[in-house]
PDB file of N, CA and C in Angstrom:
ATOM      1  N   UNK A   1     -16.758   5.731  -0.042  1.00  0.00           N
ATOM      2  CA  UNK A   1     -16.079   5.274  -1.248  1.00  0.00           C
ATOM      3  C   UNK A   1     -15.463   6.485  -1.927  1.00  0.00           C
ATOM      4  N   UNK A   2     -14.338   6.307  -2.516  1.00  0.00           N
ATOM      5  CA  UNK A   2     -13.649   7.398  -3.189  1.00  0.00           C
ATOM      6  C   UNK A   2     -13.817   7.222  -4.692  1.00  0.00           C
ATOM      7  N   UNK A   3     -14.215   8.286  -5.375  1.00  0.00           N
ATOM      8  CA  UNK A   3     -14.436   8.211  -6.813  1.00  0.00           C
ATOM      9  C   UNK A   3     -13.401   8.997  -7.587  1.00  0.00           C
ATOM     10  N   UNK A   4     -12.245   9.190  -7.011  1.00  0.00           N
ATOM     11  CA  UNK A   4     -11.196   9.940  -7.685  1.00  0.00           C
ATOM     12  C   UNK A   4     -10.441   9.023  -8.626  1.00  0.00           C
ATOM     13  N   UNK A   5     -10.089   9.545  -9.796  1.00  0.00           N
ATOM     14  CA  UNK A   5      -9.287   8.742 -10.710  1.00  0.00           C
ATOM     15  C   UNK A   5      -7.842   8.800 -10.244  1.00  0.00           C
ATOM     16  N   UNK A   6      -7.084   7.734 -10.480  1.00  0.00           N
ATOM     17  CA  UNK A   6      -5.711   7.719  -9.991  1.00  0.00           C
ATOM     18  C   UNK A   6      -4.854   8.761 -10.689  1.00  0.00           C
ATOM     19  N   UNK A   7      -3.906   9.307  -9.951  1.00  0.00           N
ATOM     20  CA  UNK A   7      -2.957  10.258 -10.508  1.00  0.00           C
ATOM     21  C   UNK A   7      -2.074   9.508 -11.491  1.00  0.00           C
ATOM     22  N   UNK A   8      -1.676  10.192 -12.566  1.00  0.00           N
ATOM     23  CA  UNK A   8      -0.833   9.548 -13.570  1.00  0.00           C
ATOM     24  C   UNK A   8       0.394   8.933 -12.906  1.00  0.00           C
ATOM     25  N   UNK A   9       0.679   7.681 -13.253  1.00  0.00           N
ATOM     26  CA  UNK A   9       1.814   6.986 -12.685  1.00  0.00           C
ATOM     27  C   UNK A   9       1.475   6.188 -11.440  1.00  0.00           C
ATOM     28  N   UNK A  10       0.250   6.347 -10.943  1.00  0.00           N
ATOM     29  CA  UNK A  10      -0.163   5.584  -9.775  1.00  0.00           C
ATOM     30  C   UNK A  10      -0.980   4.392 -10.232  1.00  0.00           C
ATOM     31  N   UNK A  11      -0.602   3.226  -9.765  1.00  0.00           N
ATOM     32  CA  UNK A  11      -1.278   2.010 -10.177  1.00  0.00           C
ATOM     33  C   UNK A  11      -2.183   1.476  -9.083  1.00  0.00           C
ATOM     34  N   UNK A  12      -1.965   1.882  -7.857  1.00  0.00           N
ATOM     35  CA  UNK A  12      -2.803   1.468  -6.737  1.00  0.00           C
ATOM     36  C   UNK A  12      -3.713   2.628  -6.372  1.00  0.00           C
ATOM     37  N   UNK A  13      -4.970   2.329  -6.030  1.00  0.00           N
ATOM     38  CA  UNK A  13      -5.883   3.367  -5.579  1.00  0.00           C
ATOM     39  C   UNK A  13      -6.875   2.785  -4.586  1.00  0.00           C
ATOM     40  N   UNK A  14      -7.357   3.630  -3.686  1.00  0.00           N
ATOM     41  CA  UNK A  14      -8.335   3.206  -2.694  1.00  0.00           C
ATOM     42  C   UNK A  14      -9.695   3.100  -3.364  1.00  0.00           C
ATOM     43  N   UNK A  15     -10.342   1.961  -3.192  1.00  0.00           N
ATOM     44  CA  UNK A  15     -11.696   1.768  -3.701  1.00  0.00           C
ATOM     45  C   UNK A  15     -12.692   2.128  -2.608  1.00  0.00           C
ATOM     46  N   UNK A  16     -12.463   1.624  -1.385  1.00  0.00           N
ATOM     47  CA  UNK A  16     -13.383   1.920  -0.291  1.00  0.00           C
ATOM     48  C   UNK A  16     -12.729   1.695   1.063  1.00  0.00           C
ATOM     49  N   UNK A  17     -13.265   2.392   2.050  1.00  0.00           N
ATOM     50  CA  UNK A  17     -12.950   2.182   3.462  1.00  0.00           C
ATOM     51  C   UNK A  17     -14.294   2.268   4.167  1.00  0.00           C
ATOM     52  N   UNK A  18     -14.693   1.183   4.860  1.00  0.00           N
ATOM     53  CA  UNK A  18     -16.008   1.181   5.501  1.00  0.00           C
ATOM     54  C   UNK A  18     -15.949   0.466   6.838  1.00  0.00           C
ATOM     55  N   UNK A  19     -16.897   0.796   7.693  1.00  0.00           N
ATOM     56  CA  UNK A  19     -17.020   0.147   8.987  1.00  0.00           C
ATOM     57  C   UNK A  19     -17.313  -1.329   8.775  1.00  0.00           C
ATOM     58  N   UNK A  20     -16.743  -2.190   9.634  1.00  0.00           N
ATOM     59  CA  UNK A  20     -16.921  -3.630   9.449  1.00  0.00           C
ATOM     60  C   UNK A  20     -16.872  -4.353  10.787  1.00  0.00           C
ATOM     61  N   UNK A  21     -17.351  -5.573  10.775  1.00  0.00           N
ATOM     62  CA  UNK A  21     -17.216  -6.466  11.920  1.00  0.00           C
ATOM     63  C   UNK A  21     -15.746  -6.880  12.012  1.00  0.00           C
ATOM     64  N   UNK A  22     -15.283  -7.287  13.189  1.00  0.00           N
ATOM     65  CA  UNK A  22     -13.889  -7.743  13.299  1.00  0.00           C
ATOM     66  C   UNK A  22     -13.621  -8.922  12.368  1.00  0.00           C
ATOM     67  N   UNK A  23     -12.407  -9.047  11.875  1.00  0.00           N
ATOM     68  CA  UNK A  23     -12.063 -10.199  11.037  1.00  0.00           C
ATOM     69  C   UNK A  23     -12.245 -11.492  11.838  1.00  0.00           C
ATOM     70  N   UNK A  24     -12.435 -12.614  11.167  1.00  0.00           N
ATOM     71  CA  UNK A  24     -12.613 -13.893  11.866  1.00  0.00           C
ATOM     72  C   UNK A  24     -11.453 -14.182  12.826  1.00  0.00           C
ATOM     73  N   UNK A  25     -11.803 -14.576  14.043  1.00  0.00           N
ATOM     74  CA  UNK A  25     -10.798 -14.930  15.034  1.00  0.00           C
ATOM     75  C   UNK A  25     -10.221 -13.757  15.801  1.00  0.00           C
ATOM     76  N   UNK A  26     -10.738 -12.554  15.564  1.00  0.00           N
ATOM     77  CA  UNK A  26     -10.217 -11.353  16.215  1.00  0.00           C
ATOM     78  C   UNK A  26     -11.338 -10.705  17.014  1.00  0.00           C
ATOM     79  N   UNK A  27     -10.994 -10.185  18.173  1.00  0.00           N
ATOM     80  CA  UNK A  27     -11.977  -9.500  18.999  1.00  0.00           C
ATOM     81  C   UNK A  27     -11.711  -8.005  18.968  1.00  0.00           C
ATOM     82  N   UNK A  28     -12.620  -7.264  19.546  1.00  0.00           N
ATOM     83  CA  UNK A  28     -12.448  -5.823  19.624  1.00  0.00           C
ATOM     84  C   UNK A  28     -13.520  -5.100  18.839  1.00  0.00           C
ATOM     85  N   UNK A  29     -13.457  -3.793  18.910  1.00  0.00           N
ATOM     86  CA  UNK A  29     -14.456  -2.981  18.219  1.00  0.00           C
ATOM     87  C   UNK A  29     -13.770  -1.949  17.340  1.00  0.00           C
ATOM     88  N   UNK A  30     -14.598  -1.204  16.617  1.00  0.00           N
ATOM     89  CA  UNK A  30     -14.127  -0.104  15.778  1.00  0.00           C
ATOM     90  C   UNK A  30     -13.225  -0.588  14.641  1.00  0.00           C
ATOM     91  N   UNK A  31     -13.642  -1.633  13.948  1.00  0.00           N
ATOM     92  CA  UNK A  31     -12.890  -2.181  12.819  1.00  0.00           C
ATOM     93  C   UNK A  31     -13.397  -1.594  11.508  1.00  0.00           C
ATOM     94  N   UNK A  32     -12.494  -1.474  10.557  1.00  0.00           N
ATOM     95  CA  UNK A  32     -12.833  -1.005   9.214  1.00  0.00           C
ATOM     96  C   UNK A  32     -12.212  -1.948   8.192  1.00  0.00           C
ATOM     97  N   UNK A  33     -12.921  -2.123   7.105  1.00  0.00           N
ATOM     98  CA  UNK A  33     -12.400  -2.928   5.998  1.00  0.00           C
ATOM     99  C   UNK A  33     -12.060  -1.971   4.868  1.00  0.00           C
ATOM    100  N   UNK A  34     -10.920  -2.209   4.216  1.00  0.00           N
ATOM    101  CA  UNK A  34     -10.548  -1.372   3.080  1.00  0.00           C
ATOM    102  C   UNK A  34     -10.286  -2.244   1.863  1.00  0.00           C
ATOM    103  N   UNK A  35     -10.477  -1.627   0.699  1.00  0.00           N
ATOM    104  CA  UNK A  35     -10.208  -2.295  -0.569  1.00  0.00           C
ATOM    105  C   UNK A  35      -9.318  -1.370  -1.382  1.00  0.00           C
ATOM    106  N   UNK A  36      -8.203  -1.909  -1.865  1.00  0.00           N
ATOM    107  CA  UNK A  36      -7.270  -1.178  -2.723  1.00  0.00           C
ATOM    108  C   UNK A  36      -7.251  -1.890  -4.066  1.00  0.00           C
ATOM    109  N   UNK A  37      -7.384  -1.134  -5.152  1.00  0.00           N
ATOM    110  CA  UNK A  37      -7.349  -1.725  -6.495  1.00  0.00           C
ATOM    111  C   UNK A  37      -5.974  -1.520  -7.104  1.00  0.00           C
ATOM    112  N   UNK A  38      -5.526  -2.523  -7.854  1.00  0.00           N
ATOM    113  CA  UNK A  38      -4.269  -2.430  -8.593  1.00  0.00           C
ATOM    114  C   UNK A  38      -4.608  -2.473 -10.069  1.00  0.00           C
ATOM    115  N   UNK A  39      -4.431  -1.347 -10.744  1.00  0.00           N
ATOM    116  CA  UNK A  39      -4.715  -1.209 -12.169  1.00  0.00           C
ATOM    117  C   UNK A  39      -6.106  -1.719 -12.523  1.00  0.00           C
ATOM    118  N   UNK A  40      -7.037  -1.583 -11.581  1.00  0.00           N
ATOM    119  CA  UNK A  40      -8.432  -1.896 -11.840  1.00  0.00           C
ATOM    120  C   UNK A  40      -8.818  -3.358 -11.817  1.00  0.00           C
ATOM    121  N   UNK A  41      -7.884  -4.277 -12.005  1.00  0.00           N
ATOM    122  CA  UNK A  41      -8.264  -5.683 -12.141  1.00  0.00           C
ATOM    123  C   UNK A  41      -7.998  -6.525 -10.899  1.00  0.00           C
ATOM    124  N   UNK A  42      -7.065  -6.156 -10.069  1.00  0.00           N
ATOM    125  CA  UNK A  42      -6.740  -6.905  -8.857  1.00  0.00           C
ATOM    126  C   UNK A  42      -7.047  -6.048  -7.639  1.00  0.00           C
ATOM    127  N   UNK A  43      -7.407  -6.716  -6.544  1.00  0.00           N
ATOM    128  CA  UNK A  43      -7.711  -5.961  -5.337  1.00  0.00           C
ATOM    129  C   UNK A  43      -6.974  -6.520  -4.131  1.00  0.00           C
ATOM    130  N   UNK A  44      -6.725  -5.639  -3.196  1.00  0.00           N
ATOM    131  CA  UNK A  44      -6.169  -5.989  -1.895  1.00  0.00           C
ATOM    132  C   UNK A  44      -7.255  -5.649  -0.888  1.00  0.00           C
ATOM    133  N   UNK A  45      -7.657  -6.624  -0.081  1.00  0.00           N
ATOM    134  CA  UNK A  45      -8.664  -6.411   0.954  1.00  0.00           C
ATOM    135  C   UNK A  45      -7.984  -6.513   2.306  1.00  0.00           C
ATOM    136  N   UNK A  46      -8.268  -5.569   3.190  1.00  0.00           N
ATOM    137  CA  UNK A  46      -7.647  -5.611   4.500  1.00  0.00           C
ATOM    138  C   UNK A  46      -8.545  -5.046   5.573  1.00  0.00           C
ATOM    139  N   UNK A  47      -8.153  -5.268   6.814  1.00  0.00           N
ATOM    140  CA  UNK A  47      -8.872  -4.761   7.976  1.00  0.00           C
ATOM    141  C   UNK A  47      -7.905  -3.967   8.833  1.00  0.00           C
ATOM    142  N   UNK A  48      -8.441  -2.920   9.471  1.00  0.00           N
ATOM    143  CA  UNK A  48      -7.640  -2.156  10.416  1.00  0.00           C
ATOM    144  C   UNK A  48      -8.567  -1.613  11.487  1.00  0.00           C
ATOM    145  N   UNK A  49      -8.052  -1.564  12.703  1.00  0.00           N
ATOM    146  CA  UNK A  49      -8.830  -1.075  13.823  1.00  0.00           C
ATOM    147  C   UNK A  49      -8.524   0.397  14.038  1.00  0.00           C
ATOM    148  N   UNK A  50      -9.551   1.185  14.339  1.00  0.00           N
ATOM    149  CA  UNK A  50      -9.383   2.608  14.596  1.00  0.00           C
ATOM    150  C   UNK A  50     -10.570   3.385  14.073  1.00  0.00           C
ATOM    151  N   UNK A  51     -10.541   4.699  14.257  1.00  0.00           N
ATOM    152  CA  UNK A  51     -11.653   5.490  13.728  1.00  0.00           C
ATOM    153  C   UNK A  51     -11.483   5.658  12.216  1.00  0.00           C
ATOM    154  N   UNK A  52     -12.565   6.035  11.555  1.00  0.00           N
ATOM    155  CA  UNK A  52     -12.570   6.107  10.088  1.00  0.00           C
ATOM    156  C   UNK A  52     -11.469   7.017   9.556  1.00  0.00           C
ATOM    157  N   UNK A  53     -11.271   8.159  10.187  1.00  0.00           N
ATOM    158  CA  UNK A  53     -10.261   9.105   9.705  1.00  0.00           C
ATOM    159  C   UNK A  53      -8.854   8.509   9.803  1.00  0.00           C
ATOM    160  N   UNK A  54      -8.535   7.899  10.950  1.00  0.00           N
ATOM    161  CA  UNK A  54      -7.202   7.320  11.145  1.00  0.00           C
ATOM    162  C   UNK A  54      -6.958   6.162  10.182  1.00  0.00           C
ATOM    163  N   UNK A  55      -7.965   5.321   9.993  1.00  0.00           N
ATOM    164  CA  UNK A  55      -7.817   4.186   9.080  1.00  0.00           C
ATOM    165  C   UNK A  55      -7.648   4.684   7.649  1.00  0.00           C
ATOM    166  N   UNK A  56      -8.448   5.673   7.254  1.00  0.00           N
ATOM    167  CA  UNK A  56      -8.340   6.223   5.898  1.00  0.00           C
ATOM    168  C   UNK A  56      -6.951   6.810   5.662  1.00  0.00           C
ATOM    169  N   UNK A  57      -6.428   7.536   6.636  1.00  0.00           N
ATOM    170  CA  UNK A  57      -5.087   8.110   6.492  1.00  0.00           C
ATOM    171  C   UNK A  57      -4.031   7.012   6.386  1.00  0.00           C
ATOM    172  N   UNK A  58      -4.177   5.950   7.170  1.00  0.00           N
ATOM    173  CA  UNK A  58      -3.217   4.841   7.117  1.00  0.00           C
ATOM    174  C   UNK A  58      -3.271   4.141   5.766  1.00  0.00           C
ATOM    175  N   UNK A  59      -4.471   3.968   5.222  1.00  0.00           N
ATOM    176  CA  UNK A  59      -4.610   3.310   3.919  1.00  0.00           C
ATOM    177  C   UNK A  59      -4.060   4.211   2.813  1.00  0.00           C
ATOM    178  N   UNK A  60      -4.273   5.525   2.913  1.00  0.00           N
ATOM    179  CA  UNK A  60      -3.699   6.454   1.933  1.00  0.00           C
ATOM    180  C   UNK A  60      -2.175   6.361   1.942  1.00  0.00           C
ATOM    181  N   UNK A  61      -1.583   6.267   3.129  1.00  0.00           N
ATOM    182  CA  UNK A  61      -0.127   6.139   3.236  1.00  0.00           C
ATOM    183  C   UNK A  61       0.341   4.812   2.632  1.00  0.00           C
ATOM    184  N   UNK A  62      -0.407   3.748   2.892  1.00  0.00           N
ATOM    185  CA  UNK A  62      -0.079   2.439   2.329  1.00  0.00           C
ATOM    186  C   UNK A  62      -0.117   2.482   0.804  1.00  0.00           C
ATOM    187  N   UNK A  63      -1.147   3.111   0.244  1.00  0.00           N
ATOM    188  CA  UNK A  63      -1.269   3.224  -1.213  1.00  0.00           C
ATOM    189  C   UNK A  63      -0.101   4.026  -1.785  1.00  0.00           C
ATOM    190  N   UNK A  64       0.278   5.106  -1.126  1.00  0.00           N
ATOM    191  CA  UNK A  64       1.419   5.906  -1.594  1.00  0.00           C
ATOM    192  C   UNK A  64       2.696   5.067  -1.590  1.00  0.00           C
ATOM    193  N   UNK A  65       2.907   4.277  -0.532  1.00  0.00           N
ATOM    194  CA  UNK A  65       4.096   3.421  -0.459  1.00  0.00           C
ATOM    195  C   UNK A  65       4.073   2.340  -1.535  1.00  0.00           C
ATOM    196  N   UNK A  66       2.910   1.755  -1.782  1.00  0.00           N
ATOM    197  CA  UNK A  66       2.803   0.736  -2.830  1.00  0.00           C
ATOM    198  C   UNK A  66       3.119   1.329  -4.198  1.00  0.00           C
ATOM    199  N   UNK A  67       2.612   2.539  -4.464  1.00  0.00           N
ATOM    200  CA  UNK A  67       2.894   3.182  -5.749  1.00  0.00           C
ATOM    201  C   UNK A  67       4.371   3.525  -5.891  1.00  0.00           C
ATOM    202  N   UNK A  68       5.004   4.004  -4.824  1.00  0.00           N
ATOM    203  CA  UNK A  68       6.441   4.296  -4.873  1.00  0.00           C
ATOM    204  C   UNK A  68       7.227   3.022  -5.143  1.00  0.00           C
ATOM    205  N   UNK A  69       6.849   1.967  -4.470  1.00  0.00           N
ATOM    206  CA  UNK A  69       7.549   0.691  -4.651  1.00  0.00           C
ATOM    207  C   UNK A  69       7.343   0.151  -6.057  1.00  0.00           C
ATOM    208  N   UNK A  70       6.130   0.294  -6.567  1.00  0.00           N
ATOM    209  CA  UNK A  70       5.826  -0.212  -7.905  1.00  0.00           C
ATOM    210  C   UNK A  70       6.617   0.540  -8.976  1.00  0.00           C
ATOM    211  N   UNK A  71       6.771   1.842  -8.785  1.00  0.00           N
ATOM    212  CA  UNK A  71       7.490   2.650  -9.770  1.00  0.00           C
ATOM    213  C   UNK A  71       8.997   2.466  -9.669  1.00  0.00           C
ATOM    214  N   UNK A  72       9.467   1.943  -8.565  1.00  0.00           N
ATOM    215  CA  UNK A  72      10.904   1.749  -8.384  1.00  0.00           C
ATOM    216  C   UNK A  72      11.553   3.008  -7.877  1.00  0.00           C
ATOM    217  N   UNK A  73      12.759   2.864  -7.435  1.00  0.00           N
ATOM    218  CA  UNK A  73      13.502   4.006  -6.918  1.00  0.00           C
ATOM    219  C   UNK A  73      14.127   4.754  -8.082  1.00  0.00           C
ATOM    220  N   UNK A  74      13.949   6.042  -8.067  1.00  0.00           N
ATOM    221  CA  UNK A  74      14.518   6.893  -9.115  1.00  0.00           C
ATOM    222  C   UNK A  74      15.915   7.351  -8.711  1.00  0.00           C
ATOM    223  N   UNK A  75      16.733   7.702  -9.685  1.00  0.00           N
ATOM    224  CA  UNK A  75      18.043   8.257  -9.411  1.00  0.00           C
ATOM    225  C   UNK A  75      19.128   7.222  -9.167  1.00  0.00           C
ATOM    226  N   UNK A  76      18.823   5.968  -9.397  1.00  0.00           N
ATOM    227  CA  UNK A  76      19.836   4.934  -9.198  1.00  0.00           C
ATOM    228  C   UNK A  76      20.093   4.223 -10.516  1.00  0.00           C
ATOM    229  N   UNK A  77      20.251   4.981 -11.556  1.00  0.00           N
ATOM    230  CA  UNK A  77      20.458   4.428 -12.886  1.00  0.00           C
ATOM    231  C   UNK A  77      21.941   4.159 -13.106  1.00  0.00           C
ATOM    232  N   UNK A  78      22.252   3.139 -13.890  1.00  0.00           N
ATOM    233  CA  UNK A  78      23.626   2.790 -14.253  1.00  0.00           C
ATOM    234  C   UNK A  78      24.509   2.479 -13.050  1.00  0.00           C
ATOM    235  N   UNK A  79      24.002   1.696 -12.156  1.00  0.00           N
ATOM    236  CA  UNK A  79      24.825   1.273 -11.029  1.00  0.00           C
ATOM    237  C   UNK A  79      25.889   0.312 -11.527  1.00  0.00           C
ATOM    238  N   UNK A  80      27.098   0.534 -11.085  1.00  0.00           N
ATOM    239  CA  UNK A  80      28.206  -0.332 -11.474  1.00  0.00           C
ATOM    240  C   UNK A  80      28.701  -1.024 -10.214  1.00  0.00           C
ATOM    241  N   UNK A  81      28.657  -2.350 -10.197  1.00  0.00           N
ATOM    242  CA  UNK A  81      29.131  -3.036  -8.993  1.00  0.00           C
ATOM    243  C   UNK A  81      30.631  -2.840  -8.813  1.00  0.00           C
ATOM    244  N   UNK A  82      31.033  -2.675  -7.579  1.00  0.00           N
ATOM    245  CA  UNK A  82      32.460  -2.535  -7.298  1.00  0.00           C
ATOM    246  C   UNK A  82      33.093  -3.917  -7.260  1.00  0.00           C
ATOM    247  N   UNK A  83      34.320  -4.022  -7.743  1.00  0.00           N
ATOM    248  CA  UNK A  83      34.981  -5.330  -7.729  1.00  0.00           C
ATOM    249  C   UNK A  83      35.217  -5.790  -6.292  1.00  0.00           C
ATOM    250  N   UNK A  84      35.081  -7.079  -6.076  1.00  0.00           N
ATOM    251  CA  UNK A  84      35.302  -7.637  -4.746  1.00  0.00           C
ATOM    252  C   UNK A  84      36.794  -7.697  -4.462  1.00  0.00           C
ATOM    253  N   UNK A  85      37.143  -7.430  -3.216  1.00  0.00           N
ATOM    254  CA  UNK A  85      38.548  -7.500  -2.811  1.00  0.00           C
ATOM    255  C   UNK A  85      38.951  -8.958  -2.679  1.00  0.00           C
ATOM    256  N   UNK A  86      40.169  -9.231  -3.089  1.00  0.00           N
ATOM    257  CA  UNK A  86      40.687 -10.586  -2.961  1.00  0.00           C
ATOM    258  C   UNK A  86      41.074 -10.832  -1.511  1.00  0.00           C
ATOM    259  N   UNK A  87      40.771 -12.019  -1.051  1.00  0.00           N
ATOM    260  CA  UNK A  87      41.118 -12.394   0.311  1.00  0.00           C
ATOM    261  C   UNK A  87      42.529 -12.949   0.306  1.00  0.00           C
ATOM    262  N   UNK A  88      43.398 -12.366   1.141  1.00  0.00           N
ATOM    263  CA  UNK A  88      44.775 -12.867   1.215  1.00  0.00           C
ATOM    264  C   UNK A  88      44.896 -13.824   2.390  1.00  0.00           C
ATOM    265  N   UNK A  89      45.697 -14.847   2.203  1.00  0.00           N
ATOM    266  CA  UNK A  89      45.901 -15.855   3.258  1.00  0.00           C
ATOM    267  C   UNK A  89      47.068 -15.521   4.117  1.00  0.00           C
TER     268      UNK A  89
END
């Protein structure tokens, strides 16, 4: 379990990554369950197959992408749509 507080501006954070049985209806071994919190009140639960280090790195990347998406893309302020060209017959 990770006890780090989220970096300012980050709304998603990893709560835990632990070894788990395969999800229902799935076979195989070496499964891990992860929990991601969103602003403390909502959670995302998921499963991924692989060793603990690889799964943890994948979940960290997922959390970074979720935070980037949540914050929106920077540098695209004041977009002005271009006028549509008239179709000539």
